[in-house]
Amino acid sequence: MKKVLVVGYSQSGQLTQIIDNFLTPFKDVEIDNIQIEPVNPFPFPWDTKSFYDVMPETVLEDPIEIKSPQFKHDNYDLIILGYQPWYLSPSMPATAILKNEAFCSRLKNTPIITILGCRNMWLNAQESVKLLIQNAGGKLVANIPLVDKTFNLISVITIVHWLGTGKKTKKWGIFPIPGVSEQDINESYLFGEIAFKALNESLYDNLQENILKLNKIKINTSILFIELRAKKLFRIWANTIKRKGITLKKRAMWLKIFRSYLYFALFIVSPIVLTIYTLLFRPFTIAGIKRKKEYFRSVKLN
């Protein structure tokens, strides 16, 4: 019997739903399902202070302390890692498990599938995860990001509503429901069918290509443009806050400054820059955009 290790972390339960549906086709398989447990749990819903306080360490990929995962086996035929991006980086629990010695020892020479449930920006986070998997000797064979397809700035409002209240409902009764759509969550079994076939045949070379044939993994050009630039800025902010926030009071002050910057960049700077780019430069960068999208949809690592 094939042995599959499933490791994930979900505060809201959305990612758990996605993975459960993904695993529906996995019959006659032994599944070892492990939830990452931080020693100091993160709140859900988030309060404002806690939400911004995780930013510097998340971006700098500092691992938090987690409870020792209890694995049933030393080796698995397939490992599935479910995670969310935080601040264009792997969530702190995801970084922690990917730097956990016991988990990394099981990644070695093992096919890995990553599954994401997120707002819409996952490219930079997945690059970090690719590198951590490679460093552990694992082989990434597929990546399946499920995203909120609402317009970017609208999804900022709806996600903040969800994270701040814990309610996946329409803000004021007029905004869209936040998060990955119920249809996409329910249809994640389609990816599972393809992955299960690869598991049974022990053939993973074309797994990502077969998943892409479903035409469900798309990258918005505007989101790509933002992500290619924003992570560098986030690193500058993270290092600045760590360097200057040497007391709780100073750290809180710098986090408030970052919060103001973030909203200004999202709602003022970003639309202006994207408009200028779309009107003046985008027609001349179509070939480069296509190459970048193909790369990020793949499991390759530059």
C-alpha atoms as a PDB file:
ATOM      1  CA  MET A   1       0.000   0.000   0.000  1.00  0.00           C
ATOM      2  CA  LYS A   2       1.260   3.438  -0.934  1.00  0.00           C
ATOM      3  CA  LYS A   3       2.082   5.763   1.960  1.00  0.00           C
ATOM      4  CA  VAL A   4       1.252   9.469   1.679  1.00  0.00           C
ATOM      5  CA  LEU A   5       2.259  12.143   4.179  1.00  0.00           C
ATOM      6  CA  VAL A   6       0.019  15.214   4.313  1.00  0.00           C
ATOM      7  CA  VAL A   7       1.321  18.182   6.285  1.00  0.00           C
ATOM      8  CA  GLY A   8      -0.465  21.502   6.597  1.00  0.00           C
ATOM      9  CA  TYR A   9      -1.515  24.484   8.653  1.00  0.00           C
ATOM     10  CA  SER A  10      -4.889  26.196   8.426  1.00  0.00           C
ATOM     11  CA  GLN A  11      -6.257  28.850  10.776  1.00  0.00           C
ATOM     12  CA  SER A  12      -9.593  29.412   9.070  1.00  0.00           C
ATOM     13  CA  GLY A  13     -10.124  25.858   7.865  1.00  0.00           C
ATOM     14  CA  GLN A  14     -10.161  26.854   4.187  1.00  0.00           C
ATOM     15  CA  LEU A  15      -6.934  25.043   3.328  1.00  0.00           C
ATOM     16  CA  THR A  16      -8.114  21.962   5.217  1.00  0.00           C
ATOM     17  CA  GLN A  17     -11.236  21.902   3.023  1.00  0.00           C
ATOM     18  CA  ILE A  18      -9.105  22.210  -0.102  1.00  0.00           C
ATOM     19  CA  ILE A  19      -6.797  19.368   0.890  1.00  0.00           C
ATOM     20  CA  ASP A  20      -9.689  17.129   1.996  1.00  0.00           C
ATOM     21  CA  ASN A  21     -11.308  17.546  -1.413  1.00  0.00           C
ATOM     22  CA  PHE A  22      -7.976  17.049  -3.168  1.00  0.00           C
ATOM     23  CA  LEU A  23      -7.547  13.727  -1.342  1.00  0.00           C
ATOM     24  CA  THR A  24     -11.012  12.409  -2.245  1.00  0.00           C
ATOM     25  CA  PRO A  25      -9.708  10.238  -5.143  1.00  0.00           C
ATOM     26  CA  PHE A  26      -6.937   8.697  -3.001  1.00  0.00           C
ATOM     27  CA  LYS A  27      -8.329   5.179  -2.430  1.00  0.00           C
ATOM     28  CA  ASP A  28      -6.522   2.251  -0.813  1.00  0.00           C
ATOM     29  CA  VAL A  29      -3.731   4.574   0.310  1.00  0.00           C
ATOM     30  CA  GLU A  30      -2.356   5.016   3.814  1.00  0.00           C
ATOM     31  CA  ILE A  31      -2.526   8.727   4.604  1.00  0.00           C
ATOM     32  CA  ASP A  32      -0.566  10.182   7.506  1.00  0.00           C
ATOM     33  CA  ASN A  33      -2.226  13.563   8.087  1.00  0.00           C
ATOM     34  CA  ILE A  34      -0.327  15.986  10.323  1.00  0.00           C
ATOM     35  CA  GLN A  35      -1.285  19.514  11.323  1.00  0.00           C
ATOM     36  CA  ILE A  36       1.556  21.912  12.103  1.00  0.00           C
ATOM     37  CA  GLU A  37       1.129  23.163  15.673  1.00  0.00           C
ATOM     38  CA  PRO A  38       2.949  26.329  16.742  1.00  0.00           C
ATOM     39  CA  VAL A  39       4.009  26.270  20.389  1.00  0.00           C
ATOM     40  CA  ASN A  40       2.517  29.761  20.648  1.00  0.00           C
ATOM     41  CA  PRO A  41      -0.658  29.574  18.501  1.00  0.00           C
ATOM     42  CA  PHE A  42      -1.587  32.425  16.191  1.00  0.00           C
ATOM     43  CA  PRO A  43      -5.001  34.000  16.768  1.00  0.00           C
ATOM     44  CA  PHE A  44      -7.973  33.630  14.475  1.00  0.00           C
ATOM     45  CA  PRO A  45      -9.584  35.969  13.916  1.00  0.00           C
ATOM     46  CA  TRP A  46      -6.520  38.157  13.914  1.00  0.00           C
ATOM     47  CA  ASP A  47      -6.278  41.315  15.959  1.00  0.00           C
ATOM     48  CA  THR A  48      -4.517  44.188  14.193  1.00  0.00           C
ATOM     49  CA  LYS A  49      -1.431  44.173  16.413  1.00  0.00           C
ATOM     50  CA  SER A  50      -0.793  40.434  16.009  1.00  0.00           C
ATOM     51  CA  PHE A  51      -1.402  40.533  12.261  1.00  0.00           C
ATOM     52  CA  TYR A  52       1.271  43.145  11.600  1.00  0.00           C
ATOM     53  CA  ASP A  53       3.649  41.955  14.305  1.00  0.00           C
ATOM     54  CA  VAL A  54       4.425  38.737  12.389  1.00  0.00           C
ATOM     55  CA  MET A  55       5.539  40.648   9.298  1.00  0.00           C
ATOM     56  CA  PRO A  56       9.309  41.081   9.854  1.00  0.00           C
ATOM     57  CA  GLU A  57      10.037  37.500  10.934  1.00  0.00           C
ATOM     58  CA  THR A  58       7.738  36.095   8.241  1.00  0.00           C
ATOM     59  CA  VAL A  59       9.487  37.989   5.441  1.00  0.00           C
ATOM     60  CA  LEU A  60      12.935  37.124   6.810  1.00  0.00           C
ATOM     61  CA  GLU A  61      11.797  33.481   7.088  1.00  0.00           C
ATOM     62  CA  ASP A  62      12.748  33.059  10.729  1.00  0.00           C
ATOM     63  CA  PRO A  63      11.330  29.712  11.923  1.00  0.00           C
ATOM     64  CA  ILE A  64       9.034  29.691  14.933  1.00  0.00           C
ATOM     65  CA  GLU A  65       8.959  26.924  17.518  1.00  0.00           C
ATOM     66  CA  ILE A  66       6.472  24.175  16.662  1.00  0.00           C
ATOM     67  CA  LYS A  67       5.418  21.026  18.475  1.00  0.00           C
ATOM     68  CA  SER A  68       7.410  18.005  17.294  1.00  0.00           C
ATOM     69  CA  PRO A  69       5.442  16.308  14.506  1.00  0.00           C
ATOM     70  CA  GLN A  70       4.805  12.599  15.089  1.00  0.00           C
ATOM     71  CA  PHE A  71       5.364  10.750  11.825  1.00  0.00           C
ATOM     72  CA  LYS A  72       4.181   7.166  11.365  1.00  0.00           C
ATOM     73  CA  HIS A  73       6.954   6.281   8.926  1.00  0.00           C
ATOM     74  CA  ASP A  74      10.502   7.251   8.033  1.00  0.00           C
ATOM     75  CA  ASN A  75       9.765   7.183   4.309  1.00  0.00           C
ATOM     76  CA  TYR A  76       6.751   8.021   2.169  1.00  0.00           C
ATOM     77  CA  ASP A  77       5.837   7.510  -1.481  1.00  0.00           C
ATOM     78  CA  LEU A  78       4.479  11.062  -1.721  1.00  0.00           C
ATOM     79  CA  ILE A  79       4.412  14.136   0.514  1.00  0.00           C
ATOM     80  CA  ILE A  80       1.728  16.823   0.216  1.00  0.00           C
ATOM     81  CA  LEU A  81       2.472  20.178   1.847  1.00  0.00           C
ATOM     82  CA  GLY A  82      -0.384  22.640   2.284  1.00  0.00           C
ATOM     83  CA  TYR A  83       0.438  26.215   3.231  1.00  0.00           C
ATOM     84  CA  GLN A  84      -0.547  29.872   2.894  1.00  0.00           C
ATOM     85  CA  PRO A  85       1.610  32.846   1.904  1.00  0.00           C
ATOM     86  CA  TRP A  86       1.955  35.611   4.496  1.00  0.00           C
ATOM     87  CA  TYR A  87       3.470  38.901   3.329  1.00  0.00           C
ATOM     88  CA  LEU A  88       4.631  37.335   0.016  1.00  0.00           C
ATOM     89  CA  SER A  89       6.495  34.654   1.994  1.00  0.00           C
ATOM     90  CA  PRO A  90       5.644  31.201   3.320  1.00  0.00           C
ATOM     91  CA  SER A  91       3.585  31.453   6.501  1.00  0.00           C
ATOM     92  CA  MET A  92       5.627  31.144   9.680  1.00  0.00           C
ATOM     93  CA  PRO A  93       4.336  27.600  10.387  1.00  0.00           C
ATOM     94  CA  ALA A  94       5.231  26.574   6.811  1.00  0.00           C
ATOM     95  CA  THR A  95       8.747  27.964   7.148  1.00  0.00           C
ATOM     96  CA  ALA A  96       9.109  26.210  10.497  1.00  0.00           C
ATOM     97  CA  ILE A  97       8.156  22.771   9.157  1.00  0.00           C
ATOM     98  CA  LEU A  98      10.405  23.219   6.124  1.00  0.00           C
ATOM     99  CA  LYS A  99      13.300  23.906   8.503  1.00  0.00           C
ATOM    100  CA  ASN A 100      12.357  21.032  10.820  1.00  0.00           C
ATOM    101  CA  GLU A 101      15.036  18.346  10.771  1.00  0.00           C
ATOM    102  CA  ALA A 102      12.646  15.409  11.160  1.00  0.00           C
ATOM    103  CA  PHE A 103      10.418  16.623   8.316  1.00  0.00           C
ATOM    104  CA  CYS A 104      13.325  17.485   6.034  1.00  0.00           C
ATOM    105  CA  SER A 105      14.785  13.999   6.481  1.00  0.00           C
ATOM    106  CA  ARG A 106      11.559  12.622   5.015  1.00  0.00           C
ATOM    107  CA  LEU A 107      11.634  15.036   2.083  1.00  0.00           C
ATOM    108  CA  LYS A 108      14.891  13.601   0.775  1.00  0.00           C
ATOM    109  CA  ASN A 109      14.466  11.771  -2.537  1.00  0.00           C
ATOM    110  CA  THR A 110      10.675  12.014  -2.199  1.00  0.00           C
ATOM    111  CA  PRO A 111       8.164  13.566  -4.631  1.00  0.00           C
ATOM    112  CA  ILE A 112       6.465  16.631  -3.120  1.00  0.00           C
ATOM    113  CA  ILE A 113       3.205  18.351  -4.049  1.00  0.00           C
ATOM    114  CA  THR A 114       2.522  21.826  -2.667  1.00  0.00           C
ATOM    115  CA  ILE A 115      -1.044  23.112  -2.326  1.00  0.00           C
ATOM    116  CA  LEU A 116      -1.824  26.740  -1.520  1.00  0.00           C
ATOM    117  CA  GLY A 117      -4.992  28.493  -0.460  1.00  0.00           C
ATOM    118  CA  CYS A 118      -4.488  32.257  -0.596  1.00  0.00           C
ATOM    119  CA  ARG A 119      -5.705  35.689  -1.631  1.00  0.00           C
ATOM    120  CA  ASN A 120      -3.824  36.061  -4.902  1.00  0.00           C
ATOM    121  CA  MET A 121      -0.092  36.594  -4.353  1.00  0.00           C
ATOM    122  CA  TRP A 122       1.830  33.339  -4.068  1.00  0.00           C
ATOM    123  CA  LEU A 123       4.740  33.575  -6.535  1.00  0.00           C
ATOM    124  CA  ASN A 124       7.444  34.758  -4.127  1.00  0.00           C
ATOM    125  CA  ALA A 125       6.328  32.427  -1.350  1.00  0.00           C
ATOM    126  CA  GLN A 126       6.509  29.446  -3.674  1.00  0.00           C
ATOM    127  CA  GLU A 127      10.008  30.405  -4.793  1.00  0.00           C
ATOM    128  CA  SER A 128      11.119  30.212  -1.152  1.00  0.00           C
ATOM    129  CA  VAL A 129       9.362  26.879  -0.685  1.00  0.00           C
ATOM    130  CA  LYS A 130      10.979  25.499  -3.852  1.00  0.00           C
ATOM    131  CA  LEU A 131      14.410  26.407  -2.505  1.00  0.00           C
ATOM    132  CA  LEU A 132      13.762  24.906   0.936  1.00  0.00           C
ATOM    133  CA  ILE A 133      12.515  21.672  -0.641  1.00  0.00           C
ATOM    134  CA  GLN A 134      15.557  21.548  -2.910  1.00  0.00           C
ATOM    135  CA  ASN A 135      17.905  22.151   0.033  1.00  0.00           C
ATOM    136  CA  ALA A 136      16.308  19.215   1.842  1.00  0.00           C
ATOM    137  CA  GLY A 137      16.840  16.934  -1.158  1.00  0.00           C
ATOM    138  CA  GLY A 138      13.152  16.666  -2.044  1.00  0.00           C
ATOM    139  CA  LYS A 139      11.712  16.725  -5.552  1.00  0.00           C
ATOM    140  CA  LEU A 140       8.865  19.172  -6.170  1.00  0.00           C
ATOM    141  CA  VAL A 141       6.613  17.501  -8.753  1.00  0.00           C
ATOM    142  CA  ALA A 142       3.523  19.716  -8.626  1.00  0.00           C
ATOM    143  CA  ASN A 143       2.264  23.027  -7.281  1.00  0.00           C
ATOM    144  CA  ILE A 144      -1.445  23.794  -7.007  1.00  0.00           C
ATOM    145  CA  PRO A 145      -2.335  27.361  -5.953  1.00  0.00           C
ATOM    146  CA  LEU A 146      -5.999  28.138  -5.336  1.00  0.00           C
ATOM    147  CA  VAL A 147      -6.667  31.871  -5.137  1.00  0.00           C
ATOM    148  CA  ASP A 148      -9.357  34.450  -4.518  1.00  0.00           C
ATOM    149  CA  LYS A 149     -10.287  35.582  -8.045  1.00  0.00           C
ATOM    150  CA  THR A 150     -11.885  38.857  -6.969  1.00  0.00           C
ATOM    151  CA  PHE A 151     -10.349  42.118  -8.223  1.00  0.00           C
ATOM    152  CA  ASN A 152      -7.162  42.795  -6.239  1.00  0.00           C
ATOM    153  CA  LEU A 153      -8.199  45.870  -4.235  1.00  0.00           C
ATOM    154  CA  ILE A 154     -11.667  44.461  -3.537  1.00  0.00           C
ATOM    155  CA  SER A 155     -10.103  41.258  -2.206  1.00  0.00           C
ATOM    156  CA  VAL A 156      -7.950  43.326   0.176  1.00  0.00           C
ATOM    157  CA  ILE A 157     -11.129  44.664   1.767  1.00  0.00           C
ATOM    158  CA  THR A 158     -12.891  41.284   1.887  1.00  0.00           C
ATOM    159  CA  ILE A 159      -9.889  39.396   3.263  1.00  0.00           C
ATOM    160  CA  VAL A 160      -9.325  41.993   5.992  1.00  0.00           C
ATOM    161  CA  HIS A 161     -12.998  41.564   6.913  1.00  0.00           C
ATOM    162  CA  TRP A 162     -12.605  37.764   7.104  1.00  0.00           C
ATOM    163  CA  LEU A 163      -9.322  37.775   9.004  1.00  0.00           C
ATOM    164  CA  GLY A 164     -10.531  40.421  11.437  1.00  0.00           C
ATOM    165  CA  THR A 165     -13.938  38.908  12.198  1.00  0.00           C
ATOM    166  CA  GLY A 166     -13.410  35.208  11.520  1.00  0.00           C
ATOM    167  CA  LYS A 167     -16.533  35.304   9.340  1.00  0.00           C
ATOM    168  CA  LYS A 168     -16.367  34.299   5.683  1.00  0.00           C
ATOM    169  CA  THR A 169     -19.297  36.526   4.806  1.00  0.00           C
ATOM    170  CA  LYS A 170     -20.093  39.482   2.569  1.00  0.00           C
ATOM    171  CA  LYS A 171     -18.836  42.683   4.189  1.00  0.00           C
ATOM    172  CA  TRP A 172     -21.805  45.059   4.664  1.00  0.00           C
ATOM    173  CA  GLY A 173     -23.792  42.574   2.598  1.00  0.00           C
ATOM    174  CA  ILE A 174     -22.442  43.996  -0.663  1.00  0.00           C
ATOM    175  CA  PHE A 175     -18.838  42.839  -1.109  1.00  0.00           C
ATOM    176  CA  PRO A 176     -18.013  39.378  -2.503  1.00  0.00           C
ATOM    177  CA  ILE A 177     -17.464  36.470  -0.145  1.00  0.00           C
ATOM    178  CA  PRO A 178     -13.722  36.425   0.696  1.00  0.00           C
ATOM    179  CA  GLY A 179     -11.273  33.674  -0.041  1.00  0.00           C
ATOM    180  CA  VAL A 180     -11.152  30.823  -2.529  1.00  0.00           C
ATOM    181  CA  SER A 181     -14.590  30.213  -4.056  1.00  0.00           C
ATOM    182  CA  GLU A 182     -16.653  27.223  -2.930  1.00  0.00           C
ATOM    183  CA  GLN A 183     -16.616  25.948  -6.493  1.00  0.00           C
ATOM    184  CA  ASP A 184     -12.821  25.955  -6.645  1.00  0.00           C
ATOM    185  CA  ILE A 185     -12.583  24.319  -3.216  1.00  0.00           C
ATOM    186  CA  ASN A 186     -15.049  21.604  -4.207  1.00  0.00           C
ATOM    187  CA  GLU A 187     -13.355  21.012  -7.561  1.00  0.00           C
ATOM    188  CA  SER A 188      -9.885  20.538  -6.072  1.00  0.00           C
ATOM    189  CA  TYR A 189     -10.545  16.793  -6.337  1.00  0.00           C
ATOM    190  CA  LEU A 190      -9.827  17.208 -10.073  1.00  0.00           C
ATOM    191  CA  PHE A 191      -6.193  17.911  -9.230  1.00  0.00           C
ATOM    192  CA  GLY A 192      -6.288  14.960  -6.850  1.00  0.00           C
ATOM    193  CA  GLU A 193      -7.376  12.583  -9.591  1.00  0.00           C
ATOM    194  CA  ILE A 194      -4.323  13.476 -11.662  1.00  0.00           C
ATOM    195  CA  ALA A 195      -1.998  13.247  -8.646  1.00  0.00           C
ATOM    196  CA  PHE A 196      -3.451   9.886  -7.588  1.00  0.00           C
ATOM    197  CA  LYS A 197      -2.811   8.456 -11.052  1.00  0.00           C
ATOM    198  CA  ALA A 198       0.812   9.635 -10.867  1.00  0.00           C
ATOM    199  CA  LEU A 199       1.145   8.084  -7.406  1.00  0.00           C
ATOM    200  CA  ASN A 200      -0.185   4.717  -8.557  1.00  0.00           C
ATOM    201  CA  GLU A 201       2.131   4.684 -11.553  1.00  0.00           C
ATOM    202  CA  SER A 202       5.066   6.250  -9.676  1.00  0.00           C
ATOM    203  CA  LEU A 203       5.424   8.598 -12.649  1.00  0.00           C
ATOM    204  CA  TYR A 204       5.714  12.285 -11.808  1.00  0.00           C
ATOM    205  CA  ASP A 205       7.734  13.756 -14.675  1.00  0.00           C
ATOM    206  CA  ASN A 206       4.666  15.174 -16.429  1.00  0.00           C
ATOM    207  CA  LEU A 207       2.462  15.705 -13.388  1.00  0.00           C
ATOM    208  CA  GLN A 208       2.603  19.522 -13.403  1.00  0.00           C
ATOM    209  CA  GLU A 209       1.996  19.638 -17.150  1.00  0.00           C
ATOM    210  CA  ASN A 210      -1.064  17.401 -16.746  1.00  0.00           C
ATOM    211  CA  ILE A 211      -2.358  19.586 -13.911  1.00  0.00           C
ATOM    212  CA  LEU A 212      -1.920  22.706 -16.035  1.00  0.00           C
ATOM    213  CA  LYS A 213      -4.058  21.114 -18.753  1.00  0.00           C
ATOM    214  CA  LEU A 214      -7.064  21.650 -16.485  1.00  0.00           C
ATOM    215  CA  ASN A 215      -6.550  25.371 -17.253  1.00  0.00           C
ATOM    216  CA  LYS A 216      -7.301  26.311 -13.654  1.00  0.00           C
ATOM    217  CA  ILE A 217      -3.935  27.779 -12.650  1.00  0.00           C
ATOM    218  CA  LYS A 218      -3.671  31.273 -14.049  1.00  0.00           C
ATOM    219  CA  ILE A 219      -1.461  34.236 -13.204  1.00  0.00           C
ATOM    220  CA  ASN A 220      -2.860  37.731 -13.454  1.00  0.00           C
ATOM    221  CA  THR A 221      -0.428  40.047 -15.245  1.00  0.00           C
ATOM    222  CA  SER A 222      -1.008  42.914 -12.809  1.00  0.00           C
ATOM    223  CA  ILE A 223      -0.389  40.622  -9.824  1.00  0.00           C
ATOM    224  CA  LEU A 224       2.784  39.344 -11.486  1.00  0.00           C
ATOM    225  CA  PHE A 225       3.988  42.918 -11.983  1.00  0.00           C
ATOM    226  CA  ILE A 226       3.368  43.764  -8.317  1.00  0.00           C
ATOM    227  CA  GLU A 227       4.963  40.603  -6.947  1.00  0.00           C
ATOM    228  CA  LEU A 228       8.152  40.986  -8.959  1.00  0.00           C
ATOM    229  CA  ARG A 229       8.818  44.262  -7.153  1.00  0.00           C
ATOM    230  CA  ALA A 230       7.074  44.077  -3.790  1.00  0.00           C
ATOM    231  CA  LYS A 231       9.124  41.346  -2.111  1.00  0.00           C
ATOM    232  CA  LYS A 232      12.298  43.445  -2.267  1.00  0.00           C
ATOM    233  CA  LEU A 233      10.456  46.320  -0.601  1.00  0.00           C
ATOM    234  CA  PHE A 234       9.067  43.989   2.068  1.00  0.00           C
ATOM    235  CA  ARG A 235      12.592  42.768   2.867  1.00  0.00           C
ATOM    236  CA  ILE A 236      13.757  46.360   3.291  1.00  0.00           C
ATOM    237  CA  TRP A 237      10.858  47.036   5.655  1.00  0.00           C
ATOM    238  CA  ALA A 238      11.415  43.807   7.587  1.00  0.00           C
ATOM    239  CA  ASN A 239      15.101  44.529   8.112  1.00  0.00           C
ATOM    240  CA  THR A 240      14.366  48.137   9.059  1.00  0.00           C
ATOM    241  CA  ILE A 241      11.773  47.107  11.657  1.00  0.00           C
ATOM    242  CA  LYS A 242      14.106  44.456  13.110  1.00  0.00           C
ATOM    243  CA  ARG A 243      17.021  46.900  13.216  1.00  0.00           C
ATOM    244  CA  LYS A 244      15.207  49.939  14.567  1.00  0.00           C
ATOM    245  CA  GLY A 245      12.493  48.267  16.623  1.00  0.00           C
ATOM    246  CA  ILE A 246      14.836  47.448  19.471  1.00  0.00           C
ATOM    247  CA  THR A 247      12.155  48.046  22.103  1.00  0.00           C
ATOM    248  CA  LEU A 248       8.481  47.057  22.080  1.00  0.00           C
ATOM    249  CA  LYS A 249       7.502  50.715  21.804  1.00  0.00           C
ATOM    250  CA  LYS A 250       9.836  51.388  18.862  1.00  0.00           C
ATOM    251  CA  ARG A 251       8.804  48.156  17.126  1.00  0.00           C
ATOM    252  CA  ALA A 252       5.136  49.104  17.481  1.00  0.00           C
ATOM    253  CA  MET A 253       5.873  52.534  16.034  1.00  0.00           C
ATOM    254  CA  TRP A 254       7.674  51.117  12.998  1.00  0.00           C
ATOM    255  CA  LEU A 255       4.927  48.559  12.430  1.00  0.00           C
ATOM    256  CA  LYS A 256       2.373  51.373  12.398  1.00  0.00           C
ATOM    257  CA  ILE A 257       4.484  53.222   9.834  1.00  0.00           C
ATOM    258  CA  PHE A 258       4.656  50.044   7.724  1.00  0.00           C
ATOM    259  CA  ARG A 259       0.892  49.600   7.990  1.00  0.00           C
ATOM    260  CA  SER A 260       0.326  53.130   6.677  1.00  0.00           C
ATOM    261  CA  TYR A 261       2.833  52.526   3.897  1.00  0.00           C
ATOM    262  CA  LEU A 262       1.148  49.265   2.932  1.00  0.00           C
ATOM    263  CA  TYR A 263      -2.287  50.830   2.522  1.00  0.00           C
ATOM    264  CA  PHE A 264      -0.844  53.820   0.667  1.00  0.00           C
ATOM    265  CA  ALA A 265       1.042  51.495  -1.694  1.00  0.00           C
ATOM    266  CA  LEU A 266      -1.978  49.256  -2.261  1.00  0.00           C
ATOM    267  CA  PHE A 267      -4.647  51.862  -2.834  1.00  0.00           C
ATOM    268  CA  ILE A 268      -2.709  54.873  -4.209  1.00  0.00           C
ATOM    269  CA  VAL A 269       0.684  53.962  -5.679  1.00  0.00           C
ATOM    270  CA  SER A 270      -0.149  50.548  -7.115  1.00  0.00           C
ATOM    271  CA  PRO A 271      -3.135  51.625  -9.281  1.00  0.00           C
ATOM    272  CA  ILE A 272      -1.162  54.576 -10.690  1.00  0.00           C
ATOM    273  CA  VAL A 273       1.906  52.495 -11.496  1.00  0.00           C
ATOM    274  CA  LEU A 274      -0.179  49.687 -13.017  1.00  0.00           C
ATOM    275  CA  THR A 275      -2.082  52.145 -15.198  1.00  0.00           C
ATOM    276  CA  ILE A 276       1.131  53.704 -16.526  1.00  0.00           C
ATOM    277  CA  TYR A 277       2.653  50.265 -17.093  1.00  0.00           C
ATOM    278  CA  THR A 278      -0.445  48.959 -18.896  1.00  0.00           C
ATOM    279  CA  LEU A 279      -0.717  51.969 -21.194  1.00  0.00           C
ATOM    280  CA  LEU A 280       2.940  52.582 -22.005  1.00  0.00           C
ATOM    281  CA  PHE A 281       5.051  49.479 -21.385  1.00  0.00           C
ATOM    282  CA  ARG A 282       2.964  46.329 -21.320  1.00  0.00           C
ATOM    283  CA  PRO A 283       2.641  46.036 -25.141  1.00  0.00           C
ATOM    284  CA  PHE A 284       6.444  45.825 -25.362  1.00  0.00           C
ATOM    285  CA  THR A 285       6.852  43.179 -22.654  1.00  0.00           C
ATOM    286  CA  ILE A 286       4.336  40.534 -23.773  1.00  0.00           C
ATOM    287  CA  ALA A 287       6.980  37.907 -24.604  1.00  0.00           C
ATOM    288  CA  GLY A 288       8.774  38.427 -21.290  1.00  0.00           C
ATOM    289  CA  ILE A 289       5.505  38.228 -19.354  1.00  0.00           C
ATOM    290  CA  LYS A 290       4.622  34.958 -21.062  1.00  0.00           C
ATOM    291  CA  ARG A 291       7.998  33.435 -20.139  1.00  0.00           C
ATOM    292  CA  LYS A 292       7.635  34.532 -16.515  1.00  0.00           C
ATOM    293  CA  LYS A 293       4.146  33.078 -16.257  1.00  0.00           C
ATOM    294  CA  GLU A 294       5.307  29.782 -17.714  1.00  0.00           C
ATOM    295  CA  TYR A 295       8.141  29.672 -15.203  1.00  0.00           C
ATOM    296  CA  PHE A 296       5.984  30.417 -12.150  1.00  0.00           C
ATOM    297  CA  ARG A 297       3.378  27.862 -13.213  1.00  0.00           C
ATOM    298  CA  SER A 298       6.114  25.237 -13.452  1.00  0.00           C
ATOM    299  CA  VAL A 299       8.012  23.460 -10.663  1.00  0.00           C
ATOM    300  CA  LYS A 300      11.394  24.690 -11.875  1.00  0.00           C
ATOM    301  CA  LEU A 301      13.712  26.758  -9.706  1.00  0.00           C
ATOM    302  CA  ASN A 302      15.931  29.433 -11.282  1.00  0.00           C
END
